[in-house]
Structures are given as C-alpha cells and as structure tokens.
Amino acid sequence: MQTAGLLLAAGAGRRMGTPKALVTDPRGPWLTRAVRLLVDGGCDPVTVVLGAAAAEAGRLLDDELEVEVEVQVVLAERWSEGMGASLGAGLTALGDTAAPAVLVTLVDLPDLVPEVVRRLVAAGDGPASLARAAYAGVPGHPVLLGREHWAGVVASAVGDQGARDYLATREVRLVECGDLATGHDVDTPR
C-alpha cells in the first residue's frame, strides 16, 4: 500500500495578505508545486484541503496541475478555526482509503523538495508510523502519521494546534532533512 499525501492549504494567509493557496513566486504557484512535491515524493493518493478562496484555488488546480495520481480536493467547512479543522477534515476524508499512513505537509513550505518526502515515507513502518522532518535537529514538517494515530490526531487537533499536542505525548522519530531544505514556512510577502 502507498502512503497517502495530505496538503493543508485552507488558511486565509492574513500576514501574507492573500490565501497561501493562491501565492505564486518565480517558480510557480505554491499550491500546484506542493501537490507535485507529494506526488514526486511517492505519495498516492493525494488529498488537498482548501478553505479560504477555495473556488479560486480549485480552478488553479484544474488549470495548472497535471499529475498521474488521484488528487482529491476537500473543503474544510470550519477552516477559519485554524489548522486543526483543516487537518481533521483531511484525515477524515482519507478514512475511506486503504492507505496505511499519510504524509502531511503545508502549502507555505516552498523550499521543500521531493527527497524530503521520500525520506519521510521511507522512515515509516505502516499504520504505527509516527515521524517528522527535522532541520538541524529542530522538528518541522512534513509529518508522517500512521493510520493508528489518525483518530487521536483528529480528536486533539484544535485551533491552530494541528497535531502538535498529540505528537508531544508520543515517541516521534525525527528524520533529519536539513541537508535538503530549510523547512521554513513563509508567512509574509518577500
């Protein structure tokens, strides 16, 4: 079974001045690049969670994205409550898949490369997987969640916390990726 990919791209991007799902830089739209990152890193299927500007972001995916795997778009109805609502919507949507694990990433990490995803996927051990990328020893994203953890993550994901509280109470394998990327999220225009 393949590891699924989950892209959280629902936020309003208040500090950015626009939803991050709509941001484009010289290398192209962040949204389509992040989907390709998951696909090129070995994730299948891929689920994209949208919220703010969902219609525009959906059109961007329709117009710009050409990949060979199934891409499901999920609308996080409560996206304005924070990342927790988006993560919950995405994991709930993946509940119908047979994927033993999901690799979760954020749309605002434009320097990630497929090798980061591959490294995390390779670190997994099926439904019990719990791993996250680290950059110079500092935990970051993406995060690999085995199916056994999905219900617990959904239950603990509140506001902008995402899986943070859940991960803090468990043994999580850190996978060093600082040689590949910075893992820095971009919150303001450059």
Foldseek 3Di string as FASTA:
>chain_A
DFAAEEEEQADQLVQAVGRLLQDADPVGRLNQVVCVLCVLLTHAPYEYEYEVVVVVSVVCCVVPHDDDHDYHYWYQPPCVLAPLSRLLRRLVVCPPPPFQKYWYDYSQQRQAHSVLSNQQRVPADGQCAWEAEDAVNHGADTIMHGVVCSVVQNVPRGRHCRSVVVNVVDDYHYGYDNVRGRRDGDSYDD
